Amino acid sequence: MKGTEQRVAVITGASQGLGLEIARVYARHDIGLIVTARGADALDQAASELRELTTVEALAGDVGDSSHAERLIQRGLERFGRIDILVNNASTLGATPLPELADYPLDDLTQAFQVNTVAPPPPGATHAPRDETARSRGHYQRIVRCGC
């Protein structure tokens, strides 16, 4: 973005489908990207494509793993110094076939909720330094994909 600081987005599940399409749109608008997905090869391929349009930090891993989620945010802040948008696109079904909620194994339900709606944590919620720039401007956005 000419004349202003580049906005930065974290996108989970960014190697294919909706996550990759969101990353492409953001890249075309010169939004810096911090991307993650479980498949390293697919993520590397997506990151290479996106780097043709914008600055990209890619880290393969599972955002359901809190240490990966924290590393992702930390590396993003180290690279860009800020995070403005967080797109929680990664998803898991948990137990399959899907049981009735009353019969859903608690560990599987907890993991599905963690991946689908919580991970990664917003800047400042973990050991990562607070992103005071975005927070003070009131521009921090969190987008959660609620479907699988």
C-alpha atoms as a PDB file:
ATOM      1  CA  MET A   1       0.000   0.000   0.000  1.00  0.00           C
ATOM      2  CA  LYS A   2       1.664   3.193  -1.095  1.00  0.00           C
ATOM      3  CA  GLY A   3       1.912   5.928   1.518  1.00  0.00           C
ATOM      4  CA  THR A   4       0.699   3.756   4.388  1.00  0.00           C
ATOM      5  CA  GLU A   5       1.881   0.785   6.391  1.00  0.00           C
ATOM      6  CA  GLN A   6       1.099  -2.584   4.884  1.00  0.00           C
ATOM      7  CA  ARG A   7      -1.760  -4.393   6.607  1.00  0.00           C
ATOM      8  CA  VAL A   8      -1.046  -7.977   7.681  1.00  0.00           C
ATOM      9  CA  ALA A   9      -3.283 -11.044   7.898  1.00  0.00           C
ATOM     10  CA  VAL A  10      -2.873 -14.459   9.503  1.00  0.00           C
ATOM     11  CA  ILE A  11      -4.728 -17.152   7.553  1.00  0.00           C
ATOM     12  CA  THR A  12      -5.043 -20.724   8.803  1.00  0.00           C
ATOM     13  CA  GLY A  13      -5.870 -23.541   6.396  1.00  0.00           C
ATOM     14  CA  ALA A  14      -4.248 -21.428   3.678  1.00  0.00           C
ATOM     15  CA  SER A  15      -2.911 -24.145   1.378  1.00  0.00           C
ATOM     16  CA  GLN A  16      -6.136 -24.864  -0.503  1.00  0.00           C
ATOM     17  CA  GLY A  17      -9.812 -24.067  -0.909  1.00  0.00           C
ATOM     18  CA  LEU A  18     -11.333 -21.078   0.863  1.00  0.00           C
ATOM     19  CA  GLY A  19      -8.169 -20.271   2.822  1.00  0.00           C
ATOM     20  CA  LEU A  20      -6.058 -20.059  -0.318  1.00  0.00           C
ATOM     21  CA  GLU A  21      -8.700 -17.992  -2.122  1.00  0.00           C
ATOM     22  CA  ILE A  22      -8.842 -15.514   0.775  1.00  0.00           C
ATOM     23  CA  ALA A  23      -5.029 -15.338   0.731  1.00  0.00           C
ATOM     24  CA  ARG A  24      -5.067 -14.635  -3.014  1.00  0.00           C
ATOM     25  CA  VAL A  25      -7.549 -11.790  -2.607  1.00  0.00           C
ATOM     26  CA  TYR A  26      -5.570 -10.279   0.253  1.00  0.00           C
ATOM     27  CA  ALA A  27      -2.305 -10.662  -1.709  1.00  0.00           C
ATOM     28  CA  ARG A  28      -3.820  -8.802  -4.669  1.00  0.00           C
ATOM     29  CA  HIS A  29      -4.555  -5.964  -2.224  1.00  0.00           C
ATOM     30  CA  ASP A  30      -0.927  -5.998  -0.987  1.00  0.00           C
ATOM     31  CA  ILE A  31      -1.819  -7.316   2.451  1.00  0.00           C
ATOM     32  CA  GLY A  32       1.156  -9.094   4.023  1.00  0.00           C
ATOM     33  CA  LEU A  33       0.399 -12.733   4.810  1.00  0.00           C
ATOM     34  CA  ILE A  34       1.238 -15.122   7.623  1.00  0.00           C
ATOM     35  CA  VAL A  35      -0.069 -18.463   6.407  1.00  0.00           C
ATOM     36  CA  THR A  36      -0.286 -21.938   7.868  1.00  0.00           C
ATOM     37  CA  ALA A  37      -1.680 -25.345   7.011  1.00  0.00           C
ATOM     38  CA  ARG A  38      -0.928 -28.917   8.047  1.00  0.00           C
ATOM     39  CA  GLY A  39       0.500 -30.030   4.687  1.00  0.00           C
ATOM     40  CA  ALA A  40       3.989 -28.582   4.227  1.00  0.00           C
ATOM     41  CA  ASP A  41       4.235 -29.296   0.487  1.00  0.00           C
ATOM     42  CA  ALA A  42       0.875 -27.736  -0.354  1.00  0.00           C
ATOM     43  CA  LEU A  43       1.622 -24.746   1.886  1.00  0.00           C
ATOM     44  CA  ASP A  44       5.016 -24.223   0.225  1.00  0.00           C
ATOM     45  CA  GLN A  45       3.347 -24.273  -3.193  1.00  0.00           C
ATOM     46  CA  ALA A  46       0.671 -21.787  -2.077  1.00  0.00           C
ATOM     47  CA  ALA A  47       3.266 -19.516  -0.439  1.00  0.00           C
ATOM     48  CA  SER A  48       5.362 -19.482  -3.631  1.00  0.00           C
ATOM     49  CA  GLU A  49       2.329 -18.385  -5.639  1.00  0.00           C
ATOM     50  CA  LEU A  50       1.386 -15.707  -3.102  1.00  0.00           C
ATOM     51  CA  ARG A  51       4.943 -14.320  -2.941  1.00  0.00           C
ATOM     52  CA  GLU A  52       4.503 -13.191  -6.537  1.00  0.00           C
ATOM     53  CA  LEU A  53       2.061 -10.585  -5.164  1.00  0.00           C
ATOM     54  CA  THR A  54       2.997  -9.795  -1.558  1.00  0.00           C
ATOM     55  CA  THR A  55       5.258 -10.587   1.379  1.00  0.00           C
ATOM     56  CA  VAL A  56       4.548 -14.007   2.904  1.00  0.00           C
ATOM     57  CA  GLU A  57       5.615 -15.808   6.078  1.00  0.00           C
ATOM     58  CA  ALA A  58       4.639 -19.505   5.926  1.00  0.00           C
ATOM     59  CA  LEU A  59       4.825 -22.047   8.736  1.00  0.00           C
ATOM     60  CA  ALA A  60       3.417 -25.550   8.295  1.00  0.00           C
ATOM     61  CA  GLY A  61       1.744 -27.165  11.294  1.00  0.00           C
ATOM     62  CA  ASP A  62      -1.476 -27.817  13.158  1.00  0.00           C
ATOM     63  CA  VAL A  63      -3.089 -24.770  14.773  1.00  0.00           C
ATOM     64  CA  GLY A  64      -4.780 -27.146  17.204  1.00  0.00           C
ATOM     65  CA  ASP A  65      -1.305 -27.465  18.741  1.00  0.00           C
ATOM     66  CA  SER A  66      -0.975 -24.386  20.945  1.00  0.00           C
ATOM     67  CA  SER A  67       2.819 -24.271  20.594  1.00  0.00           C
ATOM     68  CA  HIS A  68       2.483 -24.107  16.781  1.00  0.00           C
ATOM     69  CA  ALA A  69      -0.190 -21.419  17.049  1.00  0.00           C
ATOM     70  CA  GLU A  70       2.026 -19.348  19.347  1.00  0.00           C
ATOM     71  CA  ARG A  71       5.067 -19.821  17.046  1.00  0.00           C
ATOM     72  CA  LEU A  72       2.963 -18.716  14.084  1.00  0.00           C
ATOM     73  CA  ILE A  73       1.908 -15.487  15.766  1.00  0.00           C
ATOM     74  CA  GLN A  74       5.424 -14.855  17.115  1.00  0.00           C
ATOM     75  CA  ARG A  75       7.055 -15.338  13.703  1.00  0.00           C
ATOM     76  CA  GLY A  76       4.458 -13.117  12.089  1.00  0.00           C
ATOM     77  CA  LEU A  77       5.059 -10.330  14.578  1.00  0.00           C
ATOM     78  CA  GLU A  78       8.824 -10.694  14.173  1.00  0.00           C
ATOM     79  CA  ARG A  79       8.489 -10.462  10.383  1.00  0.00           C
ATOM     80  CA  PHE A  80       5.869  -7.724  10.092  1.00  0.00           C
ATOM     81  CA  GLY A  81       5.664  -6.082  13.519  1.00  0.00           C
ATOM     82  CA  ARG A  82       1.877  -6.164  13.453  1.00  0.00           C
ATOM     83  CA  ILE A  83      -1.188  -8.271  12.727  1.00  0.00           C
ATOM     84  CA  ASP A  84      -4.414  -6.645  11.591  1.00  0.00           C
ATOM     85  CA  ILE A  85      -6.574  -9.566  10.492  1.00  0.00           C
ATOM     86  CA  LEU A  86      -6.875 -13.149  11.717  1.00  0.00           C
ATOM     87  CA  VAL A  87      -8.770 -15.592   9.470  1.00  0.00           C
ATOM     88  CA  ASN A  88      -9.499 -18.862  11.290  1.00  0.00           C
ATOM     89  CA  ASN A  89     -10.131 -21.044   8.267  1.00  0.00           C
ATOM     90  CA  ALA A  90      -8.523 -24.296   9.440  1.00  0.00           C
ATOM     91  CA  SER A  91     -11.055 -26.896  10.408  1.00  0.00           C
ATOM     92  CA  THR A  92     -11.410 -30.426  11.621  1.00  0.00           C
ATOM     93  CA  LEU A  93     -14.458 -32.622  11.876  1.00  0.00           C
ATOM     94  CA  GLY A  94     -13.341 -34.351  15.045  1.00  0.00           C
ATOM     95  CA  ALA A  95     -15.014 -37.708  15.547  1.00  0.00           C
ATOM     96  CA  THR A  96     -16.238 -39.328  12.328  1.00  0.00           C
ATOM     97  CA  PRO A  97     -18.844 -40.260  11.541  1.00  0.00           C
ATOM     98  CA  LEU A  98     -20.244 -37.343  13.506  1.00  0.00           C
ATOM     99  CA  PRO A  99     -22.095 -38.627  16.578  1.00  0.00           C
ATOM    100  CA  GLU A 100     -24.986 -36.925  18.326  1.00  0.00           C
ATOM    101  CA  LEU A 101     -23.684 -34.084  20.499  1.00  0.00           C
ATOM    102  CA  ALA A 102     -24.541 -35.969  23.714  1.00  0.00           C
ATOM    103  CA  ASP A 103     -22.396 -38.884  22.483  1.00  0.00           C
ATOM    104  CA  TYR A 104     -19.533 -36.795  21.100  1.00  0.00           C
ATOM    105  CA  PRO A 105     -16.231 -37.764  22.805  1.00  0.00           C
ATOM    106  CA  LEU A 106     -15.239 -34.746  24.902  1.00  0.00           C
ATOM    107  CA  ASP A 107     -11.592 -34.797  23.786  1.00  0.00           C
ATOM    108  CA  ASP A 108     -12.625 -34.809  20.112  1.00  0.00           C
ATOM    109  CA  LEU A 109     -15.153 -32.027  20.673  1.00  0.00           C
ATOM    110  CA  THR A 110     -12.581 -29.940  22.518  1.00  0.00           C
ATOM    111  CA  GLN A 111     -10.027 -30.428  19.725  1.00  0.00           C
ATOM    112  CA  ALA A 112     -12.570 -29.559  17.017  1.00  0.00           C
ATOM    113  CA  PHE A 113     -13.612 -26.403  18.892  1.00  0.00           C
ATOM    114  CA  GLN A 114      -9.952 -25.434  19.442  1.00  0.00           C
ATOM    115  CA  VAL A 115      -9.058 -25.772  15.764  1.00  0.00           C
ATOM    116  CA  ASN A 116     -12.298 -24.453  14.269  1.00  0.00           C
ATOM    117  CA  THR A 117     -12.902 -21.383  16.425  1.00  0.00           C
ATOM    118  CA  VAL A 118     -10.052 -20.558  18.823  1.00  0.00           C
ATOM    119  CA  ALA A 119      -6.638 -21.231  17.250  1.00  0.00           C
ATOM    120  CA  PRO A 120      -4.443 -19.348  16.702  1.00  0.00           C
ATOM    121  CA  PRO A 121      -4.665 -16.905  19.589  1.00  0.00           C
ATOM    122  CA  PRO A 122      -4.790 -13.200  18.836  1.00  0.00           C
ATOM    123  CA  PRO A 123      -1.579 -11.222  19.332  1.00  0.00           C
ATOM    124  CA  GLY A 124      -0.988 -10.498  23.005  1.00  0.00           C
ATOM    125  CA  ALA A 125      -3.070 -13.440  24.226  1.00  0.00           C
ATOM    126  CA  THR A 126       0.035 -15.608  24.558  1.00  0.00           C
ATOM    127  CA  HIS A 127       3.701 -14.887  25.103  1.00  0.00           C
ATOM    128  CA  ALA A 128       3.834 -12.937  21.861  1.00  0.00           C
ATOM    129  CA  PRO A 129       4.287  -9.184  22.266  1.00  0.00           C
ATOM    130  CA  ARG A 130       1.139  -7.142  22.027  1.00  0.00           C
ATOM    131  CA  ASP A 131       0.392  -5.603  18.680  1.00  0.00           C
ATOM    132  CA  GLU A 132      -0.343  -2.166  20.064  1.00  0.00           C
ATOM    133  CA  THR A 133      -0.441  -0.566  16.617  1.00  0.00           C
ATOM    134  CA  ALA A 134      -3.468  -2.477  15.345  1.00  0.00           C
ATOM    135  CA  ARG A 135      -5.147  -2.592  18.751  1.00  0.00           C
ATOM    136  CA  SER A 136      -4.807   1.138  19.344  1.00  0.00           C
ATOM    137  CA  ARG A 137      -6.269   1.894  15.912  1.00  0.00           C
ATOM    138  CA  GLY A 138      -9.195  -0.423  16.568  1.00  0.00           C
ATOM    139  CA  HIS A 139      -8.570  -2.238  13.285  1.00  0.00           C
ATOM    140  CA  TYR A 140      -7.875  -5.748  14.523  1.00  0.00           C
ATOM    141  CA  GLN A 141     -10.330  -8.149  12.887  1.00  0.00           C
ATOM    142  CA  ARG A 142     -10.970 -11.825  13.608  1.00  0.00           C
ATOM    143  CA  ILE A 143     -12.812 -13.896  11.004  1.00  0.00           C
ATOM    144  CA  VAL A 144     -13.941 -17.353  12.039  1.00  0.00           C
ATOM    145  CA  ARG A 145     -15.107 -19.969   9.571  1.00  0.00           C
ATOM    146  CA  CYS A 146     -17.956 -21.797  11.263  1.00  0.00           C
ATOM    147  CA  GLY A 147     -18.484 -24.530   8.673  1.00  0.00           C
ATOM    148  CA  CYS A 148     -16.440 -27.530   7.658  1.00  0.00           C
END
